[in-house]
Every structure is written in structure tokens, then in C-alpha cells.
Amino acid sequence: MEDLTGRRLVVLTGASSGIGLAAAIDLARRADQVVLVGRDPARLRAAADEVREASGERPEVFRADFAVLDDVRQLAEQLRAAYDRIDVLANNAGAIVLQPVTTVDGFELSIQANHLAPFLLGNLLADRVGRMVVTASGAHRSGVLDPDDLNGALRRYRPLTAYGTSKQANILFTAEAARRWPTVGSYCFHPGVVRTRFGNESRLVAVGMRLLPFRSPVKGAQTLVWLANQDRSRLVDGGYYFDCRPRRPLRKAADPQLAARLWTASAEAVGLPT
């Protein structure tokens, strides 16, 4: 791995557990200053304790629930007040939603938590970010994204389709960000099928997570850490990666016209200029 560490500031969302926490520990051990963002205060404190035990330094923590866009706006304000420069923004927070849920902002929860919230955060911080890494997924294959109908999943809800649609949006967002923000290195990746807290509400999914030979969070975090460390000249701007190699997503996740339409629709949805 190309080692570009040396006291960079790395903000990781979804850092209370799973690959977000694993990446935070790895980066902190490399002497980066990591900042943890999560939804649950108790789990955030526990995660910060783990990072401190591993690296010798306790990270700063910020609470934000991506199911509430005002939380995202407040988080951006707090980060801007605290830091003049964010070397790496890891948009990692995400969820598989097992039942149809509409957020307080009026959006299907998967598309908001997994796409609209990180889209909003990235836009609000873009002028201070040097690099953005987005956790996407091979599940984008099951996505049926329509930028003109971001709540389409609610009509006939299927959890994996809704999740796949949000992951398709992650890949398109990354590619369009690379076009619109040439000074920001923007990359996304598939972490593999990782054993995390996903699906804890479902006994069947939870049992499957324990029994199936899924990847560990440490293994799932490797590409995130790799993308945070590689020299930009060795990476493809807007690229989609798996196991530290560039991969080609399905055509529906690699359509520049669809990416541009999604950006406009997402900006309108979260109240940003188009």
C-alpha cells in the first residue's frame, strides 16, 4: 500500500461498528487523526474507546442520525466549525431497511440514509474535503433507480431492491462528484459481504450473519483504507473498486446521463442549488 499517512484528518460516518470502526482503528494506528460519526451516543463512546485502546489517542465524536436531514446539516456545521480542512471524508454510514419506512423528511429510509444524507453532507463540505470515499455495494445490481421517483420503493417494498437502489445511487453520485468537483478525489467501493449489525431486527438475517462465511469488518474495511492512502495519480477519479482494484459496475450504475439526473433530483430533494 502506498503510505500517504502522516497526521491527516479523516472523518468516517457509520463509525460506531462494522467496517467504519475497523477502518478508523486501522487509520488511527497509521497516525491519522480520525473523527467518528454515528447515530447512537453510547455506541459512539464505546467505539472511541476501542480506537483509543488501539492507537493511544481518543478520537473526536459527532452524533448524527442520517434519517433526519437536519441532523446532517447540523453535523456539517459542526465539522466546518471544528476543522478548516478534511483530508478524507469516508461516507460509510448505511443500512438495510427491512420494512417500508418514511423519514421525517418524507423519503424512503434506504434512499435517504444511504444516499441523500451522504450526498447532502458531501455537498456541504466539498470545499474543505481533499478526498471522498463512499461505501457502495455489489448489491447495486438489484437497484431500480428512477431519479424522478426517489420514493418508488415504497409502493411495493422489497428490502434488497431498496438497498440496491440506494447503492446504485452511491456509485452514480461518486462518478458525478468526480466530474463536478475536480479538486476532490472521489471514489467508491464494494466491501464484500461483511458480517455487521445489518439486519439485526430480523432473527433470520441475524442467524445468517452468524452462520454464513461472510467477511470480517477488518477485511471489508481494507479497500476503504487503501483508497484513503493511495496516491491520486494511481486511482481512477469517480471509480468503483473491489478488493483494491478498479471494477466496472453494471451499465445502469455507469450512465453519466443518469448520474447527472440523479444529482439534480437529489439536490432538489435536500434543498440545495441544482
C-alpha atoms as a PDB file:
ATOM      1  CA  MET A   1       0.000   0.000   0.000  1.00  0.00           C
ATOM      2  CA  GLU A   2       1.197   3.478  -0.855  1.00  0.00           C
ATOM      3  CA  ASP A   3       1.582   5.126   2.548  1.00  0.00           C
ATOM      4  CA  LEU A   4       0.348   8.700   2.405  1.00  0.00           C
ATOM      5  CA  THR A   5      -0.492   8.907   6.087  1.00  0.00           C
ATOM      6  CA  GLY A   6       1.166  11.314   8.437  1.00  0.00           C
ATOM      7  CA  ARG A   7      -1.396  13.144  10.515  1.00  0.00           C
ATOM      8  CA  ARG A   8      -4.266  13.576   8.113  1.00  0.00           C
ATOM      9  CA  LEU A   9      -7.791  14.339   9.309  1.00  0.00           C
ATOM     10  CA  VAL A  10     -10.211  11.551   8.347  1.00  0.00           C
ATOM     11  CA  VAL A  11     -13.943  11.830   9.054  1.00  0.00           C
ATOM     12  CA  LEU A  12     -15.773   8.490   8.998  1.00  0.00           C
ATOM     13  CA  THR A  13     -19.543   8.194   9.118  1.00  0.00           C
ATOM     14  CA  GLY A  14     -21.112   4.949  10.288  1.00  0.00           C
ATOM     15  CA  ALA A  15     -18.073   4.565  12.524  1.00  0.00           C
ATOM     16  CA  SER A  16     -19.719   3.053  15.598  1.00  0.00           C
ATOM     17  CA  SER A  17     -19.233  -0.520  14.374  1.00  0.00           C
ATOM     18  CA  GLY A  18     -18.525  -2.678  11.337  1.00  0.00           C
ATOM     19  CA  ILE A  19     -16.178  -1.558   8.600  1.00  0.00           C
ATOM     20  CA  GLY A  20     -16.373   2.075   9.718  1.00  0.00           C
ATOM     21  CA  LEU A  21     -14.909   1.248  13.124  1.00  0.00           C
ATOM     22  CA  ALA A  22     -12.400  -1.201  11.622  1.00  0.00           C
ATOM     23  CA  ALA A  23     -11.198   1.478   9.193  1.00  0.00           C
ATOM     24  CA  ALA A  24     -10.997   4.055  11.985  1.00  0.00           C
ATOM     25  CA  ILE A  25      -8.777   1.756  14.054  1.00  0.00           C
ATOM     26  CA  ASP A  26      -6.514   0.994  11.082  1.00  0.00           C
ATOM     27  CA  LEU A  27      -6.160   4.661  10.114  1.00  0.00           C
ATOM     28  CA  ALA A  28      -5.595   5.777  13.711  1.00  0.00           C
ATOM     29  CA  ARG A  29      -2.794   3.227  14.042  1.00  0.00           C
ATOM     30  CA  ARG A  30      -1.208   4.884  10.994  1.00  0.00           C
ATOM     31  CA  ALA A  31      -1.158   8.179  12.946  1.00  0.00           C
ATOM     32  CA  ASP A  32      -4.147   9.756  11.199  1.00  0.00           C
ATOM     33  CA  GLN A  33      -6.492  11.891  13.261  1.00  0.00           C
ATOM     34  CA  VAL A  34      -9.828  10.128  12.944  1.00  0.00           C
ATOM     35  CA  VAL A  35     -13.233  11.631  13.650  1.00  0.00           C
ATOM     36  CA  LEU A  36     -16.120   9.245  14.294  1.00  0.00           C
ATOM     37  CA  VAL A  37     -19.711   9.963  13.278  1.00  0.00           C
ATOM     38  CA  GLY A  38     -22.578   7.764  14.394  1.00  0.00           C
ATOM     39  CA  ARG A  39     -26.191   7.703  15.442  1.00  0.00           C
ATOM     40  CA  ASP A  40     -26.076   6.164  18.923  1.00  0.00           C
ATOM     41  CA  PRO A  41     -24.131   8.080  21.627  1.00  0.00           C
ATOM     42  CA  ALA A  42     -23.357   5.010  23.741  1.00  0.00           C
ATOM     43  CA  ARG A  43     -22.029   3.042  20.781  1.00  0.00           C
ATOM     44  CA  LEU A  44     -20.015   6.069  19.659  1.00  0.00           C
ATOM     45  CA  ARG A  45     -18.358   6.295  23.075  1.00  0.00           C
ATOM     46  CA  ALA A  46     -17.582   2.579  23.006  1.00  0.00           C
ATOM     47  CA  ALA A  47     -16.105   2.904  19.506  1.00  0.00           C
ATOM     48  CA  ALA A  48     -13.963   5.843  20.595  1.00  0.00           C
ATOM     49  CA  ASP A  49     -12.667   3.729  23.478  1.00  0.00           C
ATOM     50  CA  GLU A  50     -11.680   0.976  21.019  1.00  0.00           C
ATOM     51  CA  VAL A  51      -9.815   3.442  18.816  1.00  0.00           C
ATOM     52  CA  ARG A  52      -8.028   4.875  21.848  1.00  0.00           C
ATOM     53  CA  GLU A  53      -7.007   1.425  23.042  1.00  0.00           C
ATOM     54  CA  ALA A  54      -5.636   0.579  19.602  1.00  0.00           C
ATOM     55  CA  SER A  55      -3.874   3.856  18.821  1.00  0.00           C
ATOM     56  CA  GLY A  56      -3.272   5.637  22.115  1.00  0.00           C
ATOM     57  CA  GLU A  57      -5.418   8.637  21.169  1.00  0.00           C
ATOM     58  CA  ARG A  58      -9.109   9.156  21.702  1.00  0.00           C
ATOM     59  CA  PRO A  59     -10.909  10.433  18.579  1.00  0.00           C
ATOM     60  CA  GLU A  60     -13.463  13.195  18.458  1.00  0.00           C
ATOM     61  CA  VAL A  61     -17.037  12.011  18.016  1.00  0.00           C
ATOM     62  CA  PHE A  62     -20.110  13.636  16.465  1.00  0.00           C
ATOM     63  CA  ARG A  63     -23.662  12.299  16.671  1.00  0.00           C
ATOM     64  CA  ALA A  64     -25.957  12.463  13.642  1.00  0.00           C
ATOM     65  CA  ASP A  65     -28.924  10.400  12.514  1.00  0.00           C
ATOM     66  CA  PHE A  66     -28.964  10.197   8.726  1.00  0.00           C
ATOM     67  CA  ALA A  67     -32.703   9.534   8.849  1.00  0.00           C
ATOM     68  CA  VAL A  68     -33.019  13.226   9.752  1.00  0.00           C
ATOM     69  CA  LEU A  69     -31.601  15.677   7.212  1.00  0.00           C
ATOM     70  CA  ASP A  70     -31.449  18.471   9.784  1.00  0.00           C
ATOM     71  CA  ASP A  71     -29.009  16.277  11.719  1.00  0.00           C
ATOM     72  CA  VAL A  72     -26.830  16.128   8.607  1.00  0.00           C
ATOM     73  CA  ARG A  73     -26.961  19.901   8.212  1.00  0.00           C
ATOM     74  CA  GLN A  74     -26.028  20.373  11.870  1.00  0.00           C
ATOM     75  CA  LEU A  75     -23.202  17.853  11.524  1.00  0.00           C
ATOM     76  CA  ALA A  76     -21.784  19.759   8.562  1.00  0.00           C
ATOM     77  CA  GLU A  77     -21.894  22.997  10.556  1.00  0.00           C
ATOM     78  CA  GLN A  78     -20.134  21.357  13.485  1.00  0.00           C
ATOM     79  CA  LEU A  79     -17.421  19.869  11.284  1.00  0.00           C
ATOM     80  CA  ARG A  80     -16.872  23.169   9.491  1.00  0.00           C
ATOM     81  CA  ALA A  81     -16.553  24.967  12.834  1.00  0.00           C
ATOM     82  CA  ALA A  82     -14.101  22.381  14.143  1.00  0.00           C
ATOM     83  CA  TYR A  83     -11.865  21.783  11.113  1.00  0.00           C
ATOM     84  CA  ASP A  84     -10.526  24.020   8.355  1.00  0.00           C
ATOM     85  CA  ARG A  85      -9.567  21.004   6.268  1.00  0.00           C
ATOM     86  CA  ILE A  86     -10.864  17.437   5.996  1.00  0.00           C
ATOM     87  CA  ASP A  87      -8.335  15.330   4.166  1.00  0.00           C
ATOM     88  CA  VAL A  88     -10.626  12.317   3.748  1.00  0.00           C
ATOM     89  CA  LEU A  89     -14.396  12.142   4.098  1.00  0.00           C
ATOM     90  CA  ALA A  90     -15.485   8.499   4.298  1.00  0.00           C
ATOM     91  CA  ASN A  91     -19.216   8.385   3.580  1.00  0.00           C
ATOM     92  CA  ASN A  92     -19.710   4.944   5.037  1.00  0.00           C
ATOM     93  CA  ALA A  93     -22.981   5.121   7.008  1.00  0.00           C
ATOM     94  CA  GLY A  94     -25.733   2.930   5.640  1.00  0.00           C
ATOM     95  CA  ALA A  95     -28.467   0.465   6.478  1.00  0.00           C
ATOM     96  CA  ILE A  96     -30.594  -2.324   5.106  1.00  0.00           C
ATOM     97  CA  VAL A  97     -34.181  -1.417   5.990  1.00  0.00           C
ATOM     98  CA  LEU A  98     -36.377  -4.481   6.371  1.00  0.00           C
ATOM     99  CA  GLN A  99     -39.757  -2.711   6.372  1.00  0.00           C
ATOM    100  CA  PRO A 100     -41.022   0.298   4.400  1.00  0.00           C
ATOM    101  CA  VAL A 101     -40.268   3.418   6.429  1.00  0.00           C
ATOM    102  CA  THR A 102     -40.805   7.057   5.511  1.00  0.00           C
ATOM    103  CA  THR A 103     -38.489   9.525   7.243  1.00  0.00           C
ATOM    104  CA  VAL A 104     -39.490  12.813   8.825  1.00  0.00           C
ATOM    105  CA  ASP A 105     -38.188  14.419   5.623  1.00  0.00           C
ATOM    106  CA  GLY A 106     -40.649  12.423   3.511  1.00  0.00           C
ATOM    107  CA  PHE A 107     -38.265   9.932   1.867  1.00  0.00           C
ATOM    108  CA  GLU A 108     -37.964   6.165   1.881  1.00  0.00           C
ATOM    109  CA  LEU A 109     -35.413   5.426   4.591  1.00  0.00           C
ATOM    110  CA  SER A 110     -32.922   3.456   2.477  1.00  0.00           C
ATOM    111  CA  ILE A 111     -32.562   6.136  -0.188  1.00  0.00           C
ATOM    112  CA  GLN A 112     -32.257   8.860   2.446  1.00  0.00           C
ATOM    113  CA  ALA A 113     -29.853   7.218   4.888  1.00  0.00           C
ATOM    114  CA  ASN A 114     -27.689   5.594   2.224  1.00  0.00           C
ATOM    115  CA  HIS A 115     -27.720   8.270  -0.488  1.00  0.00           C
ATOM    116  CA  LEU A 116     -29.445  11.589   0.194  1.00  0.00           C
ATOM    117  CA  ALA A 117     -27.787  12.134   3.582  1.00  0.00           C
ATOM    118  CA  PRO A 118     -24.209  11.485   2.351  1.00  0.00           C
ATOM    119  CA  PHE A 119     -24.986  13.464  -0.800  1.00  0.00           C
ATOM    120  CA  LEU A 120     -26.013  16.407   1.384  1.00  0.00           C
ATOM    121  CA  LEU A 121     -23.025  16.062   3.698  1.00  0.00           C
ATOM    122  CA  GLY A 122     -20.596  15.829   0.797  1.00  0.00           C
ATOM    123  CA  ASN A 123     -22.029  18.937  -0.818  1.00  0.00           C
ATOM    124  CA  LEU A 124     -21.938  20.929   2.409  1.00  0.00           C
ATOM    125  CA  LEU A 125     -18.285  20.018   2.999  1.00  0.00           C
ATOM    126  CA  ALA A 126     -16.949  19.777  -0.569  1.00  0.00           C
ATOM    127  CA  ASP A 127     -14.921  22.980  -0.380  1.00  0.00           C
ATOM    128  CA  ARG A 128     -12.959  21.579   2.573  1.00  0.00           C
ATOM    129  CA  VAL A 129     -12.549  17.951   1.518  1.00  0.00           C
ATOM    130  CA  GLY A 130      -9.480  16.618  -0.245  1.00  0.00           C
ATOM    131  CA  ARG A 131     -10.789  13.118  -0.898  1.00  0.00           C
ATOM    132  CA  MET A 132     -14.157  11.386  -0.609  1.00  0.00           C
ATOM    133  CA  VAL A 133     -14.589   7.623  -0.262  1.00  0.00           C
ATOM    134  CA  VAL A 134     -18.128   6.230  -0.499  1.00  0.00           C
ATOM    135  CA  THR A 135     -19.133   2.760   0.666  1.00  0.00           C
ATOM    136  CA  ALA A 136     -21.183   1.324  -2.195  1.00  0.00           C
ATOM    137  CA  SER A 137     -22.018  -2.341  -2.793  1.00  0.00           C
ATOM    138  CA  GLY A 138     -22.258  -5.086  -5.361  1.00  0.00           C
ATOM    139  CA  ALA A 139     -25.928  -5.049  -4.377  1.00  0.00           C
ATOM    140  CA  HIS A 140     -26.317  -2.196  -6.856  1.00  0.00           C
ATOM    141  CA  ARG A 141     -27.158  -4.956  -9.324  1.00  0.00           C
ATOM    142  CA  SER A 142     -30.610  -5.232  -7.748  1.00  0.00           C
ATOM    143  CA  GLY A 143     -31.245  -1.483  -7.920  1.00  0.00           C
ATOM    144  CA  VAL A 144     -34.049   0.066  -9.971  1.00  0.00           C
ATOM    145  CA  LEU A 145     -33.218   3.741  -9.612  1.00  0.00           C
ATOM    146  CA  ASP A 146     -35.532   6.376 -11.084  1.00  0.00           C
ATOM    147  CA  PRO A 147     -34.346   9.899 -10.237  1.00  0.00           C
ATOM    148  CA  ASP A 148     -37.847  11.196 -10.934  1.00  0.00           C
ATOM    149  CA  ASP A 149     -39.283   8.904  -8.250  1.00  0.00           C
ATOM    150  CA  LEU A 150     -36.907   8.554  -5.324  1.00  0.00           C
ATOM    151  CA  ASN A 151     -39.701   7.072  -3.211  1.00  0.00           C
ATOM    152  CA  GLY A 152     -40.581   4.403  -5.752  1.00  0.00           C
ATOM    153  CA  ALA A 153     -39.520   1.590  -3.407  1.00  0.00           C
ATOM    154  CA  LEU A 154     -42.371   2.387  -1.027  1.00  0.00           C
ATOM    155  CA  ARG A 155     -45.075   1.223  -3.424  1.00  0.00           C
ATOM    156  CA  ARG A 156     -44.030  -2.434  -3.419  1.00  0.00           C
ATOM    157  CA  TYR A 157     -41.357  -2.683  -0.800  1.00  0.00           C
ATOM    158  CA  ARG A 158     -38.569  -5.217  -1.157  1.00  0.00           C
ATOM    159  CA  PRO A 159     -35.649  -4.639   1.226  1.00  0.00           C
ATOM    160  CA  LEU A 160     -32.858  -5.811  -1.064  1.00  0.00           C
ATOM    161  CA  THR A 161     -34.237  -3.866  -4.033  1.00  0.00           C
ATOM    162  CA  ALA A 162     -34.490  -0.703  -1.955  1.00  0.00           C
ATOM    163  CA  TYR A 163     -30.976  -1.242  -0.637  1.00  0.00           C
ATOM    164  CA  GLY A 164     -29.619  -1.995  -4.103  1.00  0.00           C
ATOM    165  CA  THR A 165     -31.231   1.156  -5.465  1.00  0.00           C
ATOM    166  CA  SER A 166     -29.504   3.248  -2.808  1.00  0.00           C
ATOM    167  CA  LYS A 167     -26.176   1.570  -3.588  1.00  0.00           C
ATOM    168  CA  GLN A 168     -26.643   2.256  -7.298  1.00  0.00           C
ATOM    169  CA  ALA A 169     -27.150   5.874  -6.284  1.00  0.00           C
ATOM    170  CA  ASN A 170     -23.862   5.794  -4.337  1.00  0.00           C
ATOM    171  CA  ILE A 171     -21.918   4.786  -7.442  1.00  0.00           C
ATOM    172  CA  LEU A 172     -23.604   7.373  -9.645  1.00  0.00           C
ATOM    173  CA  PHE A 173     -23.077  10.088  -7.013  1.00  0.00           C
ATOM    174  CA  THR A 174     -19.374   9.269  -6.818  1.00  0.00           C
ATOM    175  CA  ALA A 175     -18.930   9.458 -10.580  1.00  0.00           C
ATOM    176  CA  GLU A 176     -20.820  12.733 -10.869  1.00  0.00           C
ATOM    177  CA  ALA A 177     -18.927  14.203  -7.903  1.00  0.00           C
ATOM    178  CA  ALA A 178     -15.682  13.467  -9.732  1.00  0.00           C
ATOM    179  CA  ARG A 179     -16.977  15.432 -12.713  1.00  0.00           C
ATOM    180  CA  ARG A 180     -18.318  18.362 -10.693  1.00  0.00           C
ATOM    181  CA  TRP A 181     -15.559  18.569  -8.068  1.00  0.00           C
ATOM    182  CA  PRO A 182     -12.264  18.128  -9.938  1.00  0.00           C
ATOM    183  CA  THR A 183     -10.214  19.116  -6.884  1.00  0.00           C
ATOM    184  CA  VAL A 184     -11.771  16.337  -4.772  1.00  0.00           C
ATOM    185  CA  GLY A 185     -10.654  12.781  -5.377  1.00  0.00           C
ATOM    186  CA  SER A 186     -13.925  10.816  -5.349  1.00  0.00           C
ATOM    187  CA  TYR A 187     -14.021   7.020  -5.172  1.00  0.00           C
ATOM    188  CA  CYS A 188     -16.451   4.300  -4.123  1.00  0.00           C
ATOM    189  CA  PHE A 189     -16.037   0.627  -3.332  1.00  0.00           C
ATOM    190  CA  HIS A 190     -17.753  -2.677  -2.656  1.00  0.00           C
ATOM    191  CA  PRO A 191     -16.567  -4.045   0.711  1.00  0.00           C
ATOM    192  CA  GLY A 192     -17.768  -7.577   0.040  1.00  0.00           C
ATOM    193  CA  VAL A 193     -20.457  -9.270   2.095  1.00  0.00           C
ATOM    194  CA  VAL A 194     -19.447  -8.259   5.602  1.00  0.00           C
ATOM    195  CA  ARG A 195     -20.664  -9.588   8.936  1.00  0.00           C
ATOM    196  CA  THR A 196     -22.025  -6.437  10.615  1.00  0.00           C
ATOM    197  CA  ARG A 197     -25.037  -5.280  12.615  1.00  0.00           C
ATOM    198  CA  PHE A 198     -27.076  -5.070   9.373  1.00  0.00           C
ATOM    199  CA  GLY A 199     -30.417  -6.769   9.720  1.00  0.00           C
ATOM    200  CA  ASN A 200     -30.296  -7.168  13.492  1.00  0.00           C
ATOM    201  CA  GLU A 201     -34.039  -6.508  13.601  1.00  0.00           C
ATOM    202  CA  SER A 202     -34.622  -9.751  11.715  1.00  0.00           C
ATOM    203  CA  ARG A 203     -33.899 -13.021  13.542  1.00  0.00           C
ATOM    204  CA  LEU A 204     -33.451 -14.842  10.233  1.00  0.00           C
ATOM    205  CA  VAL A 205     -30.924 -12.314   8.911  1.00  0.00           C
ATOM    206  CA  ALA A 206     -29.106 -12.217  12.243  1.00  0.00           C
ATOM    207  CA  VAL A 207     -28.744 -16.018  12.263  1.00  0.00           C
ATOM    208  CA  GLY A 208     -27.498 -15.934   8.676  1.00  0.00           C
ATOM    209  CA  MET A 209     -24.931 -13.311   9.584  1.00  0.00           C
ATOM    210  CA  ARG A 210     -23.566 -15.625  12.283  1.00  0.00           C
ATOM    211  CA  LEU A 211     -23.560 -18.834  10.269  1.00  0.00           C
ATOM    212  CA  LEU A 212     -22.535 -17.846   6.751  1.00  0.00           C
ATOM    213  CA  PRO A 213     -18.843 -17.365   5.865  1.00  0.00           C
ATOM    214  CA  PHE A 214     -19.046 -13.611   5.473  1.00  0.00           C
ATOM    215  CA  ARG A 215     -16.027 -11.315   5.570  1.00  0.00           C
ATOM    216  CA  SER A 216     -14.899  -9.762   8.795  1.00  0.00           C
ATOM    217  CA  PRO A 217     -15.259  -5.980   9.186  1.00  0.00           C
ATOM    218  CA  VAL A 218     -11.452  -5.721   9.082  1.00  0.00           C
ATOM    219  CA  LYS A 219     -11.363  -7.413   5.668  1.00  0.00           C
ATOM    220  CA  GLY A 220     -14.302  -5.316   4.451  1.00  0.00           C
ATOM    221  CA  ALA A 221     -12.531  -2.115   5.509  1.00  0.00           C
ATOM    222  CA  GLN A 222      -9.326  -2.847   3.605  1.00  0.00           C
ATOM    223  CA  THR A 223     -10.384  -1.192   0.352  1.00  0.00           C
ATOM    224  CA  LEU A 224     -11.652   1.882   2.206  1.00  0.00           C
ATOM    225  CA  VAL A 225      -8.282   2.269   3.926  1.00  0.00           C
ATOM    226  CA  TRP A 226      -6.466   1.559   0.655  1.00  0.00           C
ATOM    227  CA  LEU A 227      -8.446   4.241  -1.193  1.00  0.00           C
ATOM    228  CA  ALA A 228      -7.715   6.694   1.602  1.00  0.00           C
ATOM    229  CA  ASN A 229      -3.986   6.036   1.228  1.00  0.00           C
ATOM    230  CA  GLN A 230      -3.247   5.621  -2.471  1.00  0.00           C
ATOM    231  CA  ASP A 231      -1.649   8.423  -4.425  1.00  0.00           C
ATOM    232  CA  ARG A 232      -4.379  10.028  -6.519  1.00  0.00           C
ATOM    233  CA  SER A 233      -2.386   9.548  -9.713  1.00  0.00           C
ATOM    234  CA  ARG A 234      -2.814   5.784  -9.269  1.00  0.00           C
ATOM    235  CA  LEU A 235      -6.593   5.943  -8.894  1.00  0.00           C
ATOM    236  CA  VAL A 236      -9.461   6.470 -11.326  1.00  0.00           C
ATOM    237  CA  ASP A 237     -11.468   9.558 -10.400  1.00  0.00           C
ATOM    238  CA  GLY A 238     -15.064   8.531  -9.838  1.00  0.00           C
ATOM    239  CA  GLY A 239     -14.024   4.882  -9.924  1.00  0.00           C
ATOM    240  CA  TYR A 240     -15.691   1.858  -8.354  1.00  0.00           C
ATOM    241  CA  TYR A 241     -13.346  -0.563  -6.570  1.00  0.00           C
ATOM    242  CA  PHE A 242     -13.429  -4.031  -5.064  1.00  0.00           C
ATOM    243  CA  ASP A 243     -10.527  -5.692  -3.268  1.00  0.00           C
ATOM    244  CA  CYS A 244      -8.296  -2.725  -4.051  1.00  0.00           C
ATOM    245  CA  ARG A 245      -8.837  -2.987  -7.799  1.00  0.00           C
ATOM    246  CA  PRO A 246     -10.994  -0.921 -10.147  1.00  0.00           C
ATOM    247  CA  ARG A 247     -14.107  -2.758 -11.279  1.00  0.00           C
ATOM    248  CA  ARG A 248     -16.833  -1.961 -13.770  1.00  0.00           C
ATOM    249  CA  PRO A 249     -20.287  -1.606 -12.211  1.00  0.00           C
ATOM    250  CA  LEU A 250     -23.351  -2.645 -14.143  1.00  0.00           C
ATOM    251  CA  ARG A 251     -24.287  -0.335 -17.004  1.00  0.00           C
ATOM    252  CA  LYS A 252     -27.194   1.188 -15.078  1.00  0.00           C
ATOM    253  CA  ALA A 253     -24.726   2.371 -12.423  1.00  0.00           C
ATOM    254  CA  ALA A 254     -22.280   3.773 -15.000  1.00  0.00           C
ATOM    255  CA  ASP A 255     -24.582   6.004 -17.067  1.00  0.00           C
ATOM    256  CA  PRO A 256     -23.356   9.634 -16.950  1.00  0.00           C
ATOM    257  CA  GLN A 257     -26.743  10.986 -18.021  1.00  0.00           C
ATOM    258  CA  LEU A 258     -28.449   9.069 -15.228  1.00  0.00           C
ATOM    259  CA  ALA A 259     -25.809  10.331 -12.795  1.00  0.00           C
ATOM    260  CA  ALA A 260     -26.477  13.928 -13.827  1.00  0.00           C
ATOM    261  CA  ARG A 261     -30.246  13.426 -13.465  1.00  0.00           C
ATOM    262  CA  LEU A 262     -29.777  11.869 -10.044  1.00  0.00           C
ATOM    263  CA  TRP A 263     -27.618  14.785  -8.909  1.00  0.00           C
ATOM    264  CA  THR A 264     -30.296  17.304  -9.920  1.00  0.00           C
ATOM    265  CA  ALA A 265     -33.070  15.283  -8.292  1.00  0.00           C
ATOM    266  CA  SER A 266     -31.033  14.776  -5.115  1.00  0.00           C
ATOM    267  CA  ALA A 267     -30.162  18.465  -4.855  1.00  0.00           C
ATOM    268  CA  GLU A 268     -33.812  19.388  -5.193  1.00  0.00           C
ATOM    269  CA  ALA A 269     -34.764  16.770  -2.603  1.00  0.00           C
ATOM    270  CA  VAL A 270     -32.368  18.102   0.053  1.00  0.00           C
ATOM    271  CA  GLY A 271     -32.808  21.786  -0.774  1.00  0.00           C
ATOM    272  CA  LEU A 272     -29.503  22.500  -2.495  1.00  0.00           C
ATOM    273  CA  PRO A 273     -28.988  24.536  -5.673  1.00  0.00           C
ATOM    274  CA  THR A 274     -29.046  22.386  -8.797  1.00  0.00           C
END
